[in-house]
Amino acid sequence: MLYFIHKGCDDIMKEEKNSTKKKTTTIKKGNTNLKSTAAKKKTAGATKRVSSSKKTTTERKTPTKKKVVSSPVVKSEEKDKVVEEVVKKPVVKEPEKSEVLFDSRQFALRIFALILAAILVVVLLVVYFFQVKNNTYSVDWEKKSYLVENDIASTNCDGVSNAILGDFNFVFVRPEESNEDEFNLEKKLLKVIKEYNLEGNFYVYTLDNTCGVITDPYSVLGQNLKIDEGIEKVPTILYYKDGKLVDYVQRDDEQMMSDADFVKLLDIYEFEK
């Protein structure tokens, strides 16, 4: 009996041991499974992290190109500058337009001023026209003396005797009808007369044959001019001192006298400008 009881106890003990071993093996197996799943999860997370880290590195290495679209819109800086300029410029207000009343007096003065200006222009044109005409030879000048027309005194046959009286005097004898050369000679003589201040001592005598001819010293004209011999060439200038004939301009050639011939006569008798 004891044997069977002891054997039964041993069997029970073995069974318990076997059951405990099975439990431990199942536990161990379960633990290994758990460990393997956890390890798998860790490895999967690690791979994910590695893949994500690789993505980030690739993203950092190759930055994406951004497209720059040019827009016609003004840049912000330019806008700011425009705004600043607009702010700096003072705003000028337009003056209020006041109603201008019609001033009849002012209008009349303007019309009067315009009329005066027009008259002045006309007068200047007329003066200019006559100056040009007077300085240009024409048919009208054939029987006129340029010297007489420019306020140089003229004399006649009866007045010559009185004209030659005084300290000194000059008598310009010209033909009855003059040509263009004689006209231009008188223009040049006028300049010499003014340069030597001879306006009050210079006379013009025009030959008209009323008192005889100048070529005859015994004619009335010859006696009044106090010439000793007849003068063959005119125009000429006679120089008188104290009422007596001192000299006169005459050329040895056939040329007409010139203003230089008269200046030579003045230099001989020491006339000064």
Protein backbone atom coordinates (compact mmCIF):
# COMPACT_ATOMS: atom_id res chain seq x y z
CA MET A 1 0.00 0.00 0.00
CA LEU A 2 2.70 2.34 0.90
CA TYR A 3 4.42 1.47 -2.31
CA PHE A 4 1.44 2.37 -4.29
CA ILE A 5 0.90 5.53 -2.36
CA HIS A 6 4.54 6.53 -2.80
CA LYS A 7 4.39 5.72 -6.46
CA GLY A 8 1.25 7.66 -6.83
CA CYS A 9 2.84 10.64 -5.20
CA ASP A 10 5.78 10.37 -7.53
CA ASP A 11 3.48 10.22 -10.50
CA ILE A 12 1.59 13.20 -9.28
CA MET A 13 4.82 15.06 -8.76
CA LYS A 14 6.02 14.20 -12.27
CA GLU A 15 2.76 15.27 -13.77
CA GLU A 16 3.01 18.56 -11.93
CA LYS A 17 6.57 19.01 -13.12
CA ASN A 18 5.57 18.21 -16.67
CA SER A 19 2.72 20.67 -16.47
CA THR A 20 4.98 23.34 -15.12
CA LYS A 21 7.51 22.64 -17.88
CA LYS A 22 4.80 22.94 -20.48
CA LYS A 23 3.67 26.17 -18.97
CA THR A 24 7.19 27.54 -18.97
CA THR A 25 7.72 26.43 -22.54
CA THR A 26 4.46 28.05 -23.61
CA ILE A 27 5.33 31.13 -21.69
CA LYS A 28 8.77 31.10 -23.21
CA LYS A 29 7.29 30.55 -26.62
CA GLY A 30 4.84 33.34 -26.03
CA ASN A 31 7.60 35.60 -24.86
CA THR A 32 9.65 34.79 -27.92
CA ASN A 33 6.69 35.58 -30.10
CA LEU A 34 6.13 38.82 -28.28
CA LYS A 35 9.79 39.69 -28.54
CA SER A 36 9.82 38.90 -32.21
CA THR A 37 6.74 41.06 -32.89
CA ALA A 38 8.22 43.90 -30.85
CA ALA A 39 11.51 43.54 -32.67
CA LYS A 40 9.65 43.55 -35.95
CA LYS A 41 7.83 46.69 -34.92
CA LYS A 42 11.09 48.34 -33.89
CA THR A 43 12.76 47.41 -37.14
CA ALA A 44 9.76 48.64 -39.10
CA GLY A 45 9.82 51.98 -37.23
CA ALA A 46 13.53 52.22 -37.78
CA THR A 47 13.16 51.59 -41.48
CA LYS A 48 10.41 54.19 -41.61
CA ARG A 49 12.60 56.69 -39.82
CA VAL A 50 15.49 55.88 -42.09
CA SER A 51 13.28 56.25 -45.17
CA SER A 52 11.86 59.52 -43.84
CA SER A 53 15.34 60.78 -43.02
CA LYS A 54 16.44 59.82 -46.50
CA LYS A 55 13.52 61.74 -47.95
CA THR A 56 14.39 64.83 -45.97
CA THR A 57 18.02 64.58 -46.99
CA THR A 58 17.04 64.21 -50.61
CA GLU A 59 14.70 67.12 -50.26
CA ARG A 60 17.45 69.25 -48.78
CA LYS A 61 19.95 68.19 -51.42
CA THR A 62 17.68 68.94 -54.38
CA PRO A 63 15.60 72.05 -53.65
CA THR A 64 12.59 72.44 -55.79
CA LYS A 65 12.78 75.19 -58.43
CA LYS A 66 10.28 77.94 -57.89
CA LYS A 67 8.83 79.54 -60.98
CA VAL A 68 9.14 83.32 -60.99
CA VAL A 69 6.28 84.81 -62.86
CA SER A 70 6.92 88.34 -64.09
CA SER A 71 3.94 90.46 -63.43
CA PRO A 72 3.30 93.93 -64.85
CA VAL A 73 2.35 95.08 -61.40
CA VAL A 74 4.69 97.76 -60.00
CA LYS A 75 7.04 96.55 -57.27
CA SER A 76 6.30 97.44 -53.72
CA GLU A 77 9.43 99.60 -53.44
CA GLU A 78 8.49 101.59 -56.53
CA LYS A 79 4.98 101.98 -55.18
CA ASP A 80 6.43 103.32 -51.93
CA LYS A 81 8.60 105.81 -53.85
CA VAL A 82 5.65 107.02 -55.90
CA VAL A 83 3.60 107.43 -52.75
CA GLU A 84 6.45 109.36 -51.08
CA GLU A 85 6.82 111.67 -54.09
CA VAL A 86 3.10 112.32 -54.15
CA VAL A 87 3.19 113.08 -50.43
CA LYS A 88 6.22 115.41 -50.80
CA LYS A 89 4.73 117.44 -53.65
CA PRO A 90 2.60 120.22 -52.23
CA VAL A 91 -0.86 120.30 -53.53
CA VAL A 92 -1.35 123.57 -55.38
CA LYS A 93 -4.84 124.74 -55.41
CA GLU A 94 -5.98 126.46 -58.55
CA PRO A 95 -6.95 130.05 -57.90
CA GLU A 96 -10.54 130.68 -58.10
CA LYS A 97 -11.46 132.33 -61.37
CA SER A 98 -12.88 135.71 -60.75
CA GLU A 99 -15.11 137.34 -63.24
CA VAL A 100 -13.20 139.98 -65.29
CA LEU A 101 -15.31 143.02 -65.94
CA PHE A 102 -14.93 144.75 -69.30
CA ASP A 103 -12.99 147.99 -68.87
CA SER A 104 -13.85 150.36 -71.69
CA ARG A 105 -11.08 152.82 -70.75
CA GLN A 106 -8.37 150.19 -70.83
CA PHE A 107 -9.66 148.90 -74.14
CA ALA A 108 -9.66 152.42 -75.59
CA LEU A 109 -6.06 152.98 -74.40
CA ARG A 110 -4.95 149.78 -76.07
CA ILE A 111 -6.60 150.76 -79.34
CA PHE A 112 -5.00 154.21 -79.12
CA ALA A 113 -1.56 152.66 -78.48
CA LEU A 114 -1.97 150.36 -81.48
CA ILE A 115 -2.92 153.29 -83.70
CA LEU A 116 0.11 155.29 -82.54
CA ALA A 117 2.39 152.30 -83.17
CA ALA A 118 0.96 151.89 -86.67
CA ILE A 119 1.46 155.61 -87.42
CA LEU A 120 5.04 155.44 -86.15
CA VAL A 121 5.79 152.45 -88.36
CA VAL A 122 4.33 154.24 -91.39
CA VAL A 123 6.40 157.37 -90.67
CA LEU A 124 9.59 155.36 -90.31
CA LEU A 125 8.90 153.56 -93.56
CA VAL A 126 8.29 156.85 -95.37
CA VAL A 127 11.49 158.38 -93.97
CA TYR A 128 13.44 155.30 -94.92
CA PHE A 129 11.95 155.38 -98.41
CA PHE A 130 12.96 159.01 -98.93
CA GLN A 131 16.42 158.38 -97.55
CA VAL A 132 16.92 155.54 -99.99
CA LYS A 133 15.48 157.63 -102.79
CA ASN A 134 17.65 160.63 -101.91
CA ASN A 135 20.77 158.47 -101.89
CA THR A 136 19.97 156.91 -105.25
CA TYR A 137 20.37 158.76 -108.53
CA SER A 138 17.31 159.04 -110.75
CA VAL A 139 15.94 161.35 -113.45
CA ASP A 140 14.56 163.60 -110.71
CA TRP A 141 18.11 164.48 -109.69
CA GLU A 142 19.15 165.90 -113.07
CA LYS A 143 18.23 169.48 -112.14
CA LYS A 144 18.59 169.18 -108.36
CA SER A 145 21.65 169.49 -106.21
CA TYR A 146 22.29 166.83 -103.57
CA LEU A 147 24.15 169.41 -101.46
CA VAL A 148 21.30 171.90 -101.59
CA GLU A 149 18.78 169.18 -100.74
CA ASN A 150 20.88 168.44 -97.64
CA ASP A 151 20.84 172.05 -96.34
CA ILE A 152 23.99 173.41 -97.96
CA ALA A 153 23.31 177.02 -99.00
CA SER A 154 22.77 177.89 -102.63
CA THR A 155 23.38 181.21 -104.38
CA ASN A 156 22.57 182.83 -107.72
CA CYS A 157 24.35 185.21 -110.06
CA ASP A 158 23.35 188.33 -108.15
CA GLY A 159 24.07 186.84 -104.75
CA VAL A 160 27.52 185.51 -105.48
CA SER A 161 29.15 188.87 -104.77
CA ASN A 162 27.84 188.82 -101.21
CA ALA A 163 28.50 185.06 -100.77
CA ILE A 164 32.22 185.44 -101.32
CA LEU A 165 32.64 188.15 -98.68
CA GLY A 166 34.13 187.22 -95.33
CA ASP A 167 37.22 185.50 -93.98
CA PHE A 168 36.93 182.52 -96.30
CA ASN A 169 34.28 180.88 -98.44
CA PHE A 170 33.91 178.13 -100.99
CA VAL A 171 31.67 178.18 -104.07
CA PHE A 172 30.80 174.90 -105.75
CA VAL A 173 29.96 175.52 -109.41
CA ARG A 174 27.90 172.72 -110.92
CA PRO A 175 26.31 172.22 -114.37
CA GLU A 176 22.66 172.92 -114.99
CA GLU A 177 21.94 169.23 -115.46
CA SER A 178 23.95 166.64 -113.56
CA ASN A 179 24.63 162.99 -114.29
CA GLU A 180 25.05 160.09 -111.88
CA ASP A 181 28.80 160.67 -111.39
CA GLU A 182 28.23 164.32 -110.48
CA PHE A 183 25.42 163.25 -108.12
CA ASN A 184 27.75 160.81 -106.33
CA LEU A 185 30.44 163.53 -106.19
CA GLU A 186 28.10 165.81 -104.25
CA LYS A 187 27.36 162.98 -101.80
CA LYS A 188 31.07 162.60 -101.09
CA LEU A 189 31.61 166.36 -100.85
CA LEU A 190 28.92 166.55 -98.20
CA LYS A 191 30.93 164.22 -95.96
CA VAL A 192 34.07 166.35 -96.41
CA ILE A 193 32.15 169.55 -95.64
CA LYS A 194 30.86 168.06 -92.37
CA GLU A 195 34.27 166.66 -91.41
CA TYR A 196 35.92 170.09 -91.78
CA ASN A 197 32.92 172.00 -90.36
CA LEU A 198 32.43 174.11 -93.49
CA GLU A 199 28.62 174.18 -93.50
CA GLY A 200 28.46 177.99 -92.97
CA ASN A 201 31.17 178.77 -95.51
CA PHE A 202 30.12 176.65 -98.46
CA TYR A 203 27.80 177.74 -101.29
CA VAL A 204 26.39 176.02 -104.37
CA TYR A 205 25.99 177.83 -107.68
CA THR A 206 24.15 176.15 -110.58
CA LEU A 207 24.98 177.35 -114.08
CA ASP A 208 21.89 178.56 -115.94
CA ASN A 209 23.40 181.01 -118.49
CA THR A 210 21.30 183.93 -117.16
CA CYS A 211 24.48 185.85 -116.29
CA GLY A 212 26.68 184.56 -119.06
CA VAL A 213 29.05 181.62 -119.15
CA ILE A 214 31.84 180.74 -116.77
CA THR A 215 34.29 180.27 -119.61
CA ASP A 216 34.19 184.03 -120.26
CA PRO A 217 35.88 186.06 -117.53
CA TYR A 218 34.30 189.28 -118.89
CA SER A 219 30.72 188.03 -118.55
CA VAL A 220 28.55 189.18 -115.67
CA LEU A 221 29.08 185.83 -114.06
CA GLY A 222 32.84 186.04 -114.57
CA GLN A 223 32.93 189.52 -113.06
CA ASN A 224 30.82 188.49 -110.06
CA LEU A 225 33.01 185.41 -109.45
CA LYS A 226 36.13 187.60 -109.92
CA ILE A 227 37.84 185.14 -112.22
CA ASP A 228 40.81 186.33 -114.32
CA GLU A 229 40.42 183.63 -116.95
CA GLY A 230 37.63 181.40 -118.04
CA ILE A 231 37.07 178.05 -116.33
CA GLU A 232 36.75 175.21 -118.78
CA LYS A 233 35.76 172.31 -116.52
CA VAL A 234 32.83 172.04 -114.21
CA PRO A 235 32.05 170.98 -111.61
CA THR A 236 34.73 172.88 -109.71
CA ILE A 237 35.22 174.56 -106.32
CA LEU A 238 36.48 178.14 -105.94
CA TYR A 239 38.26 179.21 -102.75
CA TYR A 240 37.87 182.85 -101.58
CA LYS A 241 39.67 184.64 -98.79
CA ASP A 242 38.65 188.15 -97.73
CA GLY A 243 36.47 188.44 -100.85
CA LYS A 244 39.25 187.56 -103.32
CA LEU A 245 39.68 184.42 -105.40
CA VAL A 246 42.69 182.53 -104.03
CA ASP A 247 42.49 179.18 -105.82
CA TYR A 248 40.11 176.69 -107.37
CA VAL A 249 40.09 172.96 -108.16
CA GLN A 250 41.21 172.09 -111.66
CA ARG A 251 42.62 168.92 -113.09
CA ASP A 252 45.27 168.58 -115.73
CA ASP A 253 43.69 165.44 -117.18
CA GLU A 254 40.24 165.03 -118.64
CA GLN A 255 38.80 163.37 -115.51
CA MET A 256 36.11 165.00 -113.41
CA MET A 257 37.21 166.45 -110.08
CA SER A 258 36.85 164.24 -107.01
CA ASP A 259 36.38 164.73 -103.30
CA ALA A 260 40.08 163.90 -102.86
CA ASP A 261 40.95 166.94 -104.99
CA PHE A 262 38.97 169.15 -102.62
CA VAL A 263 40.66 167.56 -99.57
CA LYS A 264 44.04 168.28 -101.22
CA LEU A 265 43.07 171.95 -101.59
CA LEU A 266 42.10 172.09 -97.89
CA ASP A 267 45.38 170.52 -96.88
CA ILE A 268 47.37 173.02 -98.94
CA TYR A 269 45.74 175.93 -97.08
CA GLU A 270 45.99 174.14 -93.73
CA PHE A 271 42.34 173.59 -92.94
CA GLU A 272 41.84 171.24 -90.01
CA LYS A 273 38.99 168.93 -89.16
